[in-house]
């Protein structure tokens, strides 16, 4: 480990901690992860990669399919000197009814960390409660904290700060919206969520996000135009997430006025940044003109999943 990396690491000690939701992390701890991600990204661009996880192994449990989560974790652990094991629930005993506590205890004897991408947040929490190694939430139906780390890294790169940045999220009040609200509140950003009635964020999570801030705004509205006024960032996601495919047509009708297009961008700041966690359905939640246009940073955002994941693994497993 280089002297510079030791300096970054000296600020906080997160070794052994779980990463289940950003609600469990202080703003200082989140900022530390973002600084570490930025440092490791610069190192990689300069062809210098530290390997603080040499000889360590991450088990990656997937109940949901993935592109960015799987590749970023698998490449990330390799670049850090460790090994990643892909564990589909179709291939391990967890998918055949083995109790979660038993799986957690067995894997704790083999691995140095676990990343799990699944449906229920309770599965992640039970796994973490029974594991003696760090557990990382790669995605659940309730939260997507790994995505939010990469998102905040991207916003900081584009705007030069997080505190005071105005973020407008347009669309389904899903796991991404939940983590975006919490991350925004923790880091001093103002967040407006515009979603149709019946598809707004979970009220309990909304109130939890509001409890983390007194000076910044966490707004939920049905008014798309109002949400994007004075926005520095406009963010959207697919209208039907994994597991909701049967609702596709119903959701298309419910969200038809919530598309991010050139006209909607005109209500925001001239230098507004467009973000999407991907995969995107061009022509539905966002037009091709916007996602492929000058305001879009979606592929920079996607690349930052790698650097954010590397920082997270370094901090928790290093």
C-alpha atoms as a PDB file:
ATOM      1  CA  UNK A   1       0.000   0.000   0.000  1.00  0.00           C
ATOM      2  CA  UNK A   2       1.374   3.422  -0.957  1.00  0.00           C
ATOM      3  CA  UNK A   3       1.909   6.301   1.465  1.00  0.00           C
ATOM      4  CA  UNK A   4      -0.943   8.229  -0.181  1.00  0.00           C
ATOM      5  CA  UNK A   5      -3.341   5.353   0.261  1.00  0.00           C
ATOM      6  CA  UNK A   6      -2.311   4.977   3.903  1.00  0.00           C
ATOM      7  CA  UNK A   7      -3.199   8.634   4.370  1.00  0.00           C
ATOM      8  CA  UNK A   8      -6.661   8.136   2.902  1.00  0.00           C
ATOM      9  CA  UNK A   9      -7.223   4.965   4.925  1.00  0.00           C
ATOM     10  CA  UNK A  10      -6.138   6.565   8.182  1.00  0.00           C
ATOM     11  CA  UNK A  11      -9.245   8.756   8.334  1.00  0.00           C
ATOM     12  CA  UNK A  12     -11.721   6.019   9.176  1.00  0.00           C
ATOM     13  CA  UNK A  13     -11.713   2.413  10.194  1.00  0.00           C
ATOM     14  CA  UNK A  14     -14.512   0.457   8.510  1.00  0.00           C
ATOM     15  CA  UNK A  15     -12.852  -2.961   8.401  1.00  0.00           C
ATOM     16  CA  UNK A  16     -15.375  -5.687   9.129  1.00  0.00           C
ATOM     17  CA  UNK A  17     -18.424  -3.436   8.879  1.00  0.00           C
ATOM     18  CA  UNK A  18     -21.447  -4.462   6.773  1.00  0.00           C
ATOM     19  CA  UNK A  19     -22.781  -2.283   3.950  1.00  0.00           C
ATOM     20  CA  UNK A  20     -26.542  -2.863   3.907  1.00  0.00           C
ATOM     21  CA  UNK A  21     -27.881   0.679   3.481  1.00  0.00           C
ATOM     22  CA  UNK A  22     -26.378   4.166   3.478  1.00  0.00           C
ATOM     23  CA  UNK A  23     -28.594   4.895   6.479  1.00  0.00           C
ATOM     24  CA  UNK A  24     -26.052   2.956   8.588  1.00  0.00           C
ATOM     25  CA  UNK A  25     -23.154   5.202   7.553  1.00  0.00           C
ATOM     26  CA  UNK A  26     -22.255   8.695   8.723  1.00  0.00           C
ATOM     27  CA  UNK A  27     -21.605  11.472   6.246  1.00  0.00           C
ATOM     28  CA  UNK A  28     -17.930  11.306   7.242  1.00  0.00           C
ATOM     29  CA  UNK A  29     -17.759   7.588   6.470  1.00  0.00           C
ATOM     30  CA  UNK A  30     -19.490   8.076   3.119  1.00  0.00           C
ATOM     31  CA  UNK A  31     -17.126  10.924   2.261  1.00  0.00           C
ATOM     32  CA  UNK A  32     -14.184   8.695   3.158  1.00  0.00           C
ATOM     33  CA  UNK A  33     -15.418   6.020   0.721  1.00  0.00           C
ATOM     34  CA  UNK A  34     -15.826   8.645  -2.007  1.00  0.00           C
ATOM     35  CA  UNK A  35     -12.321  10.010  -1.409  1.00  0.00           C
ATOM     36  CA  UNK A  36     -10.915   6.495  -1.567  1.00  0.00           C
ATOM     37  CA  UNK A  37     -12.835   5.775  -4.798  1.00  0.00           C
ATOM     38  CA  UNK A  38     -11.483   8.968  -6.348  1.00  0.00           C
ATOM     39  CA  UNK A  39      -7.944   8.116  -5.273  1.00  0.00           C
ATOM     40  CA  UNK A  40      -8.149   4.569  -6.669  1.00  0.00           C
ATOM     41  CA  UNK A  41      -9.642   5.835  -9.946  1.00  0.00           C
ATOM     42  CA  UNK A  42      -6.730   8.252 -10.401  1.00  0.00           C
ATOM     43  CA  UNK A  43      -4.272   5.480  -9.603  1.00  0.00           C
ATOM     44  CA  UNK A  44      -5.848   3.197 -12.202  1.00  0.00           C
ATOM     45  CA  UNK A  45      -5.844   5.927 -14.863  1.00  0.00           C
ATOM     46  CA  UNK A  46      -2.129   6.398 -14.154  1.00  0.00           C
ATOM     47  CA  UNK A  47      -1.487   2.678 -14.466  1.00  0.00           C
ATOM     48  CA  UNK A  48      -0.754   2.278 -10.754  1.00  0.00           C
ATOM     49  CA  UNK A  49      -3.063  -0.131  -8.926  1.00  0.00           C
ATOM     50  CA  UNK A  50      -2.614  -0.907  -5.234  1.00  0.00           C
ATOM     51  CA  UNK A  51      -3.447  -4.461  -4.172  1.00  0.00           C
ATOM     52  CA  UNK A  52      -4.527  -4.245  -0.518  1.00  0.00           C
ATOM     53  CA  UNK A  53      -6.714  -7.364  -0.838  1.00  0.00           C
ATOM     54  CA  UNK A  54      -4.035  -9.735  -2.081  1.00  0.00           C
ATOM     55  CA  UNK A  55      -4.944 -13.296  -1.132  1.00  0.00           C
ATOM     56  CA  UNK A  56      -8.517 -12.387  -0.094  1.00  0.00           C
ATOM     57  CA  UNK A  57     -11.724 -13.802  -1.564  1.00  0.00           C
ATOM     58  CA  UNK A  58     -15.152 -12.257  -2.121  1.00  0.00           C
ATOM     59  CA  UNK A  59     -18.186 -14.507  -2.529  1.00  0.00           C
ATOM     60  CA  UNK A  60     -20.779 -12.959  -4.862  1.00  0.00           C
ATOM     61  CA  UNK A  61     -24.302 -14.356  -4.416  1.00  0.00           C
ATOM     62  CA  UNK A  62     -26.697 -13.552  -7.259  1.00  0.00           C
ATOM     63  CA  UNK A  63     -30.413 -14.225  -7.120  1.00  0.00           C
ATOM     64  CA  UNK A  64     -30.996 -11.392  -9.622  1.00  0.00           C
ATOM     65  CA  UNK A  65     -29.174 -11.151 -12.953  1.00  0.00           C
ATOM     66  CA  UNK A  66     -26.637  -8.370 -13.398  1.00  0.00           C
ATOM     67  CA  UNK A  67     -24.191  -6.664 -15.726  1.00  0.00           C
ATOM     68  CA  UNK A  68     -22.664  -3.718 -13.849  1.00  0.00           C
ATOM     69  CA  UNK A  69     -22.782  -5.224 -10.343  1.00  0.00           C
ATOM     70  CA  UNK A  70     -21.198  -8.513 -11.330  1.00  0.00           C
ATOM     71  CA  UNK A  71     -18.513  -7.109 -13.609  1.00  0.00           C
ATOM     72  CA  UNK A  72     -17.549  -4.215 -11.310  1.00  0.00           C
ATOM     73  CA  UNK A  73     -17.161  -6.472  -8.264  1.00  0.00           C
ATOM     74  CA  UNK A  74     -15.421  -9.270 -10.143  1.00  0.00           C
ATOM     75  CA  UNK A  75     -12.983  -6.960 -11.931  1.00  0.00           C
ATOM     76  CA  UNK A  76     -12.578  -4.833  -8.802  1.00  0.00           C
ATOM     77  CA  UNK A  77     -11.568  -7.655  -6.471  1.00  0.00           C
ATOM     78  CA  UNK A  78      -9.161  -8.950  -9.137  1.00  0.00           C
ATOM     79  CA  UNK A  79      -7.509  -5.529  -9.520  1.00  0.00           C
ATOM     80  CA  UNK A  80      -7.180  -5.274  -5.739  1.00  0.00           C
ATOM     81  CA  UNK A  81      -5.248  -8.558  -5.707  1.00  0.00           C
ATOM     82  CA  UNK A  82      -8.054 -10.840  -4.544  1.00  0.00           C
ATOM     83  CA  UNK A  83     -10.409 -13.388  -6.072  1.00  0.00           C
ATOM     84  CA  UNK A  84     -14.142 -13.234  -6.708  1.00  0.00           C
ATOM     85  CA  UNK A  85     -16.408 -16.294  -6.694  1.00  0.00           C
ATOM     86  CA  UNK A  86     -19.702 -16.066  -8.616  1.00  0.00           C
ATOM     87  CA  UNK A  87     -22.360 -17.931  -6.621  1.00  0.00           C
ATOM     88  CA  UNK A  88     -25.716 -18.216  -8.359  1.00  0.00           C
ATOM     89  CA  UNK A  89     -28.560 -19.236  -6.068  1.00  0.00           C
ATOM     90  CA  UNK A  90     -29.289 -21.918  -8.670  1.00  0.00           C
ATOM     91  CA  UNK A  91     -25.916 -23.483  -7.871  1.00  0.00           C
ATOM     92  CA  UNK A  92     -25.618 -23.207  -4.085  1.00  0.00           C
ATOM     93  CA  UNK A  93     -27.671 -24.760  -1.317  1.00  0.00           C
ATOM     94  CA  UNK A  94     -29.250 -21.425  -0.385  1.00  0.00           C
ATOM     95  CA  UNK A  95     -31.379 -21.797  -3.505  1.00  0.00           C
ATOM     96  CA  UNK A  96     -32.493 -25.268  -2.360  1.00  0.00           C
ATOM     97  CA  UNK A  97     -33.739 -24.230   1.044  1.00  0.00           C
ATOM     98  CA  UNK A  98     -30.657 -24.187   3.261  1.00  0.00           C
ATOM     99  CA  UNK A  99     -31.360 -21.746   6.104  1.00  0.00           C
ATOM    100  CA  UNK A 100     -29.730 -18.349   5.618  1.00  0.00           C
ATOM    101  CA  UNK A 101     -27.906 -18.526   8.998  1.00  0.00           C
ATOM    102  CA  UNK A 102     -26.311 -21.840   8.000  1.00  0.00           C
ATOM    103  CA  UNK A 103     -25.136 -20.425   4.654  1.00  0.00           C
ATOM    104  CA  UNK A 104     -23.760 -17.332   6.400  1.00  0.00           C
ATOM    105  CA  UNK A 105     -21.756 -19.367   8.906  1.00  0.00           C
ATOM    106  CA  UNK A 106     -20.395 -21.765   6.280  1.00  0.00           C
ATOM    107  CA  UNK A 107     -19.308 -18.974   3.924  1.00  0.00           C
ATOM    108  CA  UNK A 108     -17.724 -17.080   6.822  1.00  0.00           C
ATOM    109  CA  UNK A 109     -15.308 -19.997   7.188  1.00  0.00           C
ATOM    110  CA  UNK A 110     -14.234 -19.799   3.541  1.00  0.00           C
ATOM    111  CA  UNK A 111     -14.398 -16.157   2.495  1.00  0.00           C
ATOM    112  CA  UNK A 112     -13.279 -12.673   3.519  1.00  0.00           C
ATOM    113  CA  UNK A 113     -16.449 -10.924   2.362  1.00  0.00           C
ATOM    114  CA  UNK A 114     -19.869 -11.547   0.817  1.00  0.00           C
ATOM    115  CA  UNK A 115     -21.722  -9.461  -1.767  1.00  0.00           C
ATOM    116  CA  UNK A 116     -25.346 -10.427  -2.342  1.00  0.00           C
ATOM    117  CA  UNK A 117     -27.805  -9.209  -4.995  1.00  0.00           C
ATOM    118  CA  UNK A 118     -31.300 -10.404  -4.170  1.00  0.00           C
ATOM    119  CA  UNK A 119     -34.940  -9.407  -3.803  1.00  0.00           C
ATOM    120  CA  UNK A 120     -35.681  -9.059  -0.093  1.00  0.00           C
ATOM    121  CA  UNK A 121     -33.790  -6.712   2.214  1.00  0.00           C
ATOM    122  CA  UNK A 122     -34.553  -9.120   5.067  1.00  0.00           C
ATOM    123  CA  UNK A 123     -32.427 -11.798   3.365  1.00  0.00           C
ATOM    124  CA  UNK A 124     -29.418  -9.453   3.323  1.00  0.00           C
ATOM    125  CA  UNK A 125     -29.989  -8.455   6.927  1.00  0.00           C
ATOM    126  CA  UNK A 126     -30.312 -12.060   8.119  1.00  0.00           C
ATOM    127  CA  UNK A 127     -27.187 -13.029   6.196  1.00  0.00           C
ATOM    128  CA  UNK A 128     -25.251 -10.159   7.798  1.00  0.00           C
ATOM    129  CA  UNK A 129     -26.567 -10.951  11.277  1.00  0.00           C
ATOM    130  CA  UNK A 130     -25.178 -14.479  11.057  1.00  0.00           C
ATOM    131  CA  UNK A 131     -21.941 -13.883   9.139  1.00  0.00           C
ATOM    132  CA  UNK A 132     -18.653 -13.062  10.842  1.00  0.00           C
ATOM    133  CA  UNK A 133     -17.326 -11.338   7.690  1.00  0.00           C
ATOM    134  CA  UNK A 134     -18.511  -8.133   5.944  1.00  0.00           C
ATOM    135  CA  UNK A 135     -21.727  -8.402   3.917  1.00  0.00           C
ATOM    136  CA  UNK A 136     -22.347  -5.949   1.070  1.00  0.00           C
ATOM    137  CA  UNK A 137     -25.818  -5.252  -0.308  1.00  0.00           C
ATOM    138  CA  UNK A 138     -25.365  -5.406  -4.091  1.00  0.00           C
ATOM    139  CA  UNK A 139     -29.081  -4.621  -4.560  1.00  0.00           C
ATOM    140  CA  UNK A 140     -32.440  -5.464  -3.031  1.00  0.00           C
ATOM    141  CA  UNK A 141     -35.941  -4.326  -3.872  1.00  0.00           C
ATOM    142  CA  UNK A 142     -35.627  -1.776  -1.070  1.00  0.00           C
ATOM    143  CA  UNK A 143     -32.107  -0.330  -1.464  1.00  0.00           C
ATOM    144  CA  UNK A 144     -29.255  -0.008  -3.958  1.00  0.00           C
ATOM    145  CA  UNK A 145     -26.461   1.602  -1.879  1.00  0.00           C
ATOM    146  CA  UNK A 146     -23.587   0.516  -4.158  1.00  0.00           C
ATOM    147  CA  UNK A 147     -25.199   2.376  -7.052  1.00  0.00           C
ATOM    148  CA  UNK A 148     -25.542   5.476  -4.917  1.00  0.00           C
ATOM    149  CA  UNK A 149     -21.830   5.521  -4.050  1.00  0.00           C
ATOM    150  CA  UNK A 150     -20.986   5.595  -7.761  1.00  0.00           C
ATOM    151  CA  UNK A 151     -23.683   8.228  -8.338  1.00  0.00           C
ATOM    152  CA  UNK A 152     -22.283  10.542  -5.671  1.00  0.00           C
ATOM    153  CA  UNK A 153     -18.779  10.065  -7.042  1.00  0.00           C
ATOM    154  CA  UNK A 154     -20.073  11.087 -10.487  1.00  0.00           C
ATOM    155  CA  UNK A 155     -21.977  14.128  -9.199  1.00  0.00           C
ATOM    156  CA  UNK A 156     -18.887  15.269  -7.311  1.00  0.00           C
ATOM    157  CA  UNK A 157     -16.778  14.896 -10.466  1.00  0.00           C
ATOM    158  CA  UNK A 158     -19.280  16.895 -12.522  1.00  0.00           C
ATOM    159  CA  UNK A 159     -20.263  19.595 -10.032  1.00  0.00           C
ATOM    160  CA  UNK A 160     -17.141  19.788  -7.882  1.00  0.00           C
ATOM    161  CA  UNK A 161     -19.172  19.253  -4.722  1.00  0.00           C
ATOM    162  CA  UNK A 162     -22.157  17.462  -3.208  1.00  0.00           C
ATOM    163  CA  UNK A 163     -23.370  19.905  -0.566  1.00  0.00           C
ATOM    164  CA  UNK A 164     -26.071  22.177  -1.986  1.00  0.00           C
ATOM    165  CA  UNK A 165     -26.471  20.305  -5.281  1.00  0.00           C
ATOM    166  CA  UNK A 166     -30.114  20.050  -6.443  1.00  0.00           C
ATOM    167  CA  UNK A 167     -31.078  16.569  -7.628  1.00  0.00           C
ATOM    168  CA  UNK A 168     -34.379  15.723  -9.332  1.00  0.00           C
ATOM    169  CA  UNK A 169     -35.344  12.059  -9.645  1.00  0.00           C
ATOM    170  CA  UNK A 170     -38.136  11.379 -12.154  1.00  0.00           C
ATOM    171  CA  UNK A 171     -39.986   8.054 -12.207  1.00  0.00           C
ATOM    172  CA  UNK A 172     -40.593   5.003 -10.057  1.00  0.00           C
ATOM    173  CA  UNK A 173     -40.028   5.434  -6.311  1.00  0.00           C
ATOM    174  CA  UNK A 174     -37.930   2.274  -6.196  1.00  0.00           C
ATOM    175  CA  UNK A 175     -34.713   1.054  -4.562  1.00  0.00           C
ATOM    176  CA  UNK A 176     -32.614   3.585  -6.467  1.00  0.00           C
ATOM    177  CA  UNK A 177     -34.897   6.437  -5.376  1.00  0.00           C
ATOM    178  CA  UNK A 178     -34.697   5.228  -1.768  1.00  0.00           C
ATOM    179  CA  UNK A 179     -30.895   5.157  -1.716  1.00  0.00           C
ATOM    180  CA  UNK A 180     -30.731   8.462  -3.599  1.00  0.00           C
ATOM    181  CA  UNK A 181     -32.902  10.129  -0.947  1.00  0.00           C
ATOM    182  CA  UNK A 182     -30.804   8.805   1.915  1.00  0.00           C
ATOM    183  CA  UNK A 183     -27.492   9.592   0.226  1.00  0.00           C
ATOM    184  CA  UNK A 184     -28.649  13.098  -0.675  1.00  0.00           C
ATOM    185  CA  UNK A 185     -29.807  13.823   2.875  1.00  0.00           C
ATOM    186  CA  UNK A 186     -26.572  12.494   4.378  1.00  0.00           C
ATOM    187  CA  UNK A 187     -24.347  14.505   2.029  1.00  0.00           C
ATOM    188  CA  UNK A 188     -26.220  17.811   1.952  1.00  0.00           C
ATOM    189  CA  UNK A 189     -27.893  17.571  -1.447  1.00  0.00           C
ATOM    190  CA  UNK A 190     -31.464  18.708  -2.081  1.00  0.00           C
ATOM    191  CA  UNK A 191     -33.602  15.933  -3.586  1.00  0.00           C
ATOM    192  CA  UNK A 192     -36.970  16.140  -5.320  1.00  0.00           C
ATOM    193  CA  UNK A 193     -38.695  12.885  -6.303  1.00  0.00           C
ATOM    194  CA  UNK A 194     -41.412  13.181  -8.962  1.00  0.00           C
ATOM    195  CA  UNK A 195     -43.534  10.035  -9.276  1.00  0.00           C
ATOM    196  CA  UNK A 196     -47.203   9.314 -10.022  1.00  0.00           C
ATOM    197  CA  UNK A 197     -49.564   8.494  -7.207  1.00  0.00           C
ATOM    198  CA  UNK A 198     -49.223   4.855  -6.206  1.00  0.00           C
ATOM    199  CA  UNK A 199     -45.584   4.705  -7.351  1.00  0.00           C
ATOM    200  CA  UNK A 200     -43.959   7.126  -4.933  1.00  0.00           C
ATOM    201  CA  UNK A 201     -41.153   6.116  -2.544  1.00  0.00           C
ATOM    202  CA  UNK A 202     -41.919   4.185   0.625  1.00  0.00           C
ATOM    203  CA  UNK A 203     -43.210   6.707   3.172  1.00  0.00           C
ATOM    204  CA  UNK A 204     -41.162   5.233   6.022  1.00  0.00           C
ATOM    205  CA  UNK A 205     -37.932   5.516   4.027  1.00  0.00           C
ATOM    206  CA  UNK A 206     -38.848   9.066   2.984  1.00  0.00           C
ATOM    207  CA  UNK A 207     -39.236  10.065   6.629  1.00  0.00           C
ATOM    208  CA  UNK A 208     -35.999   8.276   7.496  1.00  0.00           C
ATOM    209  CA  UNK A 209     -34.178  10.314   4.837  1.00  0.00           C
ATOM    210  CA  UNK A 210     -35.703  13.537   6.198  1.00  0.00           C
ATOM    211  CA  UNK A 211     -34.483  12.636   9.683  1.00  0.00           C
ATOM    212  CA  UNK A 212     -30.885  12.830   8.442  1.00  0.00           C
ATOM    213  CA  UNK A 213     -31.083  16.495   7.476  1.00  0.00           C
ATOM    214  CA  UNK A 214     -32.384  19.773   8.850  1.00  0.00           C
ATOM    215  CA  UNK A 215     -31.028  22.194   6.269  1.00  0.00           C
ATOM    216  CA  UNK A 216     -31.637  20.331   3.025  1.00  0.00           C
ATOM    217  CA  UNK A 217     -34.830  19.345   1.285  1.00  0.00           C
ATOM    218  CA  UNK A 218     -36.313  15.897   0.653  1.00  0.00           C
ATOM    219  CA  UNK A 219     -39.414  16.486  -1.478  1.00  0.00           C
ATOM    220  CA  UNK A 220     -41.861  13.994  -2.999  1.00  0.00           C
ATOM    221  CA  UNK A 221     -44.278  15.334  -5.603  1.00  0.00           C
ATOM    222  CA  UNK A 222     -46.398  14.403  -8.627  1.00  0.00           C
ATOM    223  CA  UNK A 223     -45.375  17.615 -10.426  1.00  0.00           C
ATOM    224  CA  UNK A 224     -42.528  16.803 -12.830  1.00  0.00           C
ATOM    225  CA  UNK A 225     -41.917  20.384 -13.922  1.00  0.00           C
ATOM    226  CA  UNK A 226     -41.738  21.632 -10.345  1.00  0.00           C
ATOM    227  CA  UNK A 227     -39.290  18.861  -9.424  1.00  0.00           C
ATOM    228  CA  UNK A 228     -36.762  19.780 -12.113  1.00  0.00           C
ATOM    229  CA  UNK A 229     -36.828  23.566 -11.584  1.00  0.00           C
ATOM    230  CA  UNK A 230     -33.307  24.734 -10.742  1.00  0.00           C
ATOM    231  CA  UNK A 231     -32.034  21.134 -10.909  1.00  0.00           C
ATOM    232  CA  UNK A 232     -28.289  20.521 -11.231  1.00  0.00           C
ATOM    233  CA  UNK A 233     -28.911  16.823 -11.854  1.00  0.00           C
ATOM    234  CA  UNK A 234     -31.850  14.952 -13.377  1.00  0.00           C
ATOM    235  CA  UNK A 235     -31.924  11.213 -12.691  1.00  0.00           C
ATOM    236  CA  UNK A 236     -34.263   8.489 -13.868  1.00  0.00           C
ATOM    237  CA  UNK A 237     -34.603   4.694 -13.911  1.00  0.00           C
ATOM    238  CA  UNK A 238     -36.689   2.124 -15.763  1.00  0.00           C
ATOM    239  CA  UNK A 239     -40.416   2.174 -15.058  1.00  0.00           C
ATOM    240  CA  UNK A 240     -40.593  -1.599 -14.456  1.00  0.00           C
ATOM    241  CA  UNK A 241     -37.698  -3.126 -12.531  1.00  0.00           C
ATOM    242  CA  UNK A 242     -36.734  -6.809 -12.375  1.00  0.00           C
ATOM    243  CA  UNK A 243     -39.657  -8.826 -11.066  1.00  0.00           C
ATOM    244  CA  UNK A 244     -42.202  -6.264 -12.315  1.00  0.00           C
ATOM    245  CA  UNK A 245     -42.247  -7.289 -15.965  1.00  0.00           C
ATOM    246  CA  UNK A 246     -45.912  -8.321 -15.765  1.00  0.00           C
ATOM    247  CA  UNK A 247     -46.766  -4.701 -14.862  1.00  0.00           C
ATOM    248  CA  UNK A 248     -44.996  -3.222 -17.889  1.00  0.00           C
ATOM    249  CA  UNK A 249     -48.062  -2.039 -19.845  1.00  0.00           C
ATOM    250  CA  UNK A 250     -49.784  -0.707 -16.742  1.00  0.00           C
ATOM    251  CA  UNK A 251     -46.669   1.201 -15.758  1.00  0.00           C
ATOM    252  CA  UNK A 252     -46.168   2.650 -19.240  1.00  0.00           C
ATOM    253  CA  UNK A 253     -49.597   4.258 -18.942  1.00  0.00           C
ATOM    254  CA  UNK A 254     -48.994   5.462 -15.364  1.00  0.00           C
ATOM    255  CA  UNK A 255     -45.604   7.008 -16.189  1.00  0.00           C
ATOM    256  CA  UNK A 256     -46.260   8.422 -19.664  1.00  0.00           C
ATOM    257  CA  UNK A 257     -46.044  12.018 -18.363  1.00  0.00           C
ATOM    258  CA  UNK A 258     -42.811  11.266 -16.476  1.00  0.00           C
ATOM    259  CA  UNK A 259     -40.443  10.829 -19.411  1.00  0.00           C
ATOM    260  CA  UNK A 260     -37.145  12.707 -19.316  1.00  0.00           C
ATOM    261  CA  UNK A 261     -36.913  14.504 -22.640  1.00  0.00           C
ATOM    262  CA  UNK A 262     -35.421  17.669 -24.135  1.00  0.00           C
ATOM    263  CA  UNK A 263     -38.388  19.765 -23.046  1.00  0.00           C
ATOM    264  CA  UNK A 264     -38.094  18.605 -19.421  1.00  0.00           C
ATOM    265  CA  UNK A 265     -34.366  19.404 -19.398  1.00  0.00           C
ATOM    266  CA  UNK A 266     -35.190  22.969 -20.490  1.00  0.00           C
ATOM    267  CA  UNK A 267     -36.807  23.638 -17.094  1.00  0.00           C
ATOM    268  CA  UNK A 268     -33.567  22.775 -15.251  1.00  0.00           C
ATOM    269  CA  UNK A 269     -30.265  24.647 -15.118  1.00  0.00           C
ATOM    270  CA  UNK A 270     -28.503  25.112 -18.492  1.00  0.00           C
ATOM    271  CA  UNK A 271     -25.620  22.886 -17.372  1.00  0.00           C
ATOM    272  CA  UNK A 272     -27.881  20.171 -15.935  1.00  0.00           C
ATOM    273  CA  UNK A 273     -26.386  16.688 -15.785  1.00  0.00           C
ATOM    274  CA  UNK A 274     -28.465  13.668 -16.813  1.00  0.00           C
ATOM    275  CA  UNK A 275     -27.981  10.360 -14.968  1.00  0.00           C
ATOM    276  CA  UNK A 276     -29.425   6.851 -15.275  1.00  0.00           C
ATOM    277  CA  UNK A 277     -28.310   3.730 -13.390  1.00  0.00           C
ATOM    278  CA  UNK A 278     -28.816   1.558 -16.520  1.00  0.00           C
ATOM    279  CA  UNK A 279     -30.003  -0.523 -18.254  1.00  0.00           C
ATOM    280  CA  UNK A 280     -32.193   2.070 -19.995  1.00  0.00           C
ATOM    281  CA  UNK A 281     -35.250   1.713 -22.182  1.00  0.00           C
ATOM    282  CA  UNK A 282     -34.727   4.450 -24.750  1.00  0.00           C
ATOM    283  CA  UNK A 283     -38.067   5.950 -25.744  1.00  0.00           C
ATOM    284  CA  UNK A 284     -39.719   5.086 -22.427  1.00  0.00           C
ATOM    285  CA  UNK A 285     -38.314   6.729 -19.278  1.00  0.00           C
ATOM    286  CA  UNK A 286     -35.809   8.755 -21.332  1.00  0.00           C
ATOM    287  CA  UNK A 287     -35.493   9.746 -24.979  1.00  0.00           C
ATOM    288  CA  UNK A 288     -32.459   8.669 -27.000  1.00  0.00           C
ATOM    289  CA  UNK A 289     -31.772  12.359 -27.639  1.00  0.00           C
ATOM    290  CA  UNK A 290     -31.202  12.940 -23.912  1.00  0.00           C
ATOM    291  CA  UNK A 291     -29.352   9.774 -22.921  1.00  0.00           C
ATOM    292  CA  UNK A 292     -26.991  10.096 -25.886  1.00  0.00           C
ATOM    293  CA  UNK A 293     -26.765  13.884 -25.627  1.00  0.00           C
ATOM    294  CA  UNK A 294     -24.270  16.374 -24.207  1.00  0.00           C
ATOM    295  CA  UNK A 295     -25.835  16.469 -20.734  1.00  0.00           C
ATOM    296  CA  UNK A 296     -25.591  12.704 -20.203  1.00  0.00           C
ATOM    297  CA  UNK A 297     -22.901  11.105 -18.032  1.00  0.00           C
ATOM    298  CA  UNK A 298     -24.442   7.630 -17.854  1.00  0.00           C
ATOM    299  CA  UNK A 299     -21.327   5.768 -18.983  1.00  0.00           C
ATOM    300  CA  UNK A 300     -19.039   7.740 -16.672  1.00  0.00           C
ATOM    301  CA  UNK A 301     -21.564   6.867 -13.953  1.00  0.00           C
ATOM    302  CA  UNK A 302     -21.441   3.185 -14.938  1.00  0.00           C
ATOM    303  CA  UNK A 303     -17.633   3.129 -14.927  1.00  0.00           C
ATOM    304  CA  UNK A 304     -17.631   4.627 -11.447  1.00  0.00           C
ATOM    305  CA  UNK A 305     -19.382   1.500 -10.183  1.00  0.00           C
ATOM    306  CA  UNK A 306     -15.965  -0.170 -10.500  1.00  0.00           C
ATOM    307  CA  UNK A 307     -14.118   2.490  -8.520  1.00  0.00           C
ATOM    308  CA  UNK A 308     -16.812   2.814  -5.851  1.00  0.00           C
ATOM    309  CA  UNK A 309     -16.918  -0.972  -5.415  1.00  0.00           C
ATOM    310  CA  UNK A 310     -13.132  -1.122  -5.124  1.00  0.00           C
ATOM    311  CA  UNK A 311     -13.184   1.534  -2.420  1.00  0.00           C
ATOM    312  CA  UNK A 312     -15.923  -0.308  -0.556  1.00  0.00           C
ATOM    313  CA  UNK A 313     -14.110  -3.648  -0.650  1.00  0.00           C
ATOM    314  CA  UNK A 314     -10.824  -2.017   0.357  1.00  0.00           C
ATOM    315  CA  UNK A 315     -12.434  -0.315   3.325  1.00  0.00           C
ATOM    316  CA  UNK A 316     -14.444  -3.292   4.573  1.00  0.00           C
ATOM    317  CA  UNK A 317     -12.105  -6.196   3.716  1.00  0.00           C
ATOM    318  CA  UNK A 318      -8.691  -4.505   3.887  1.00  0.00           C
END
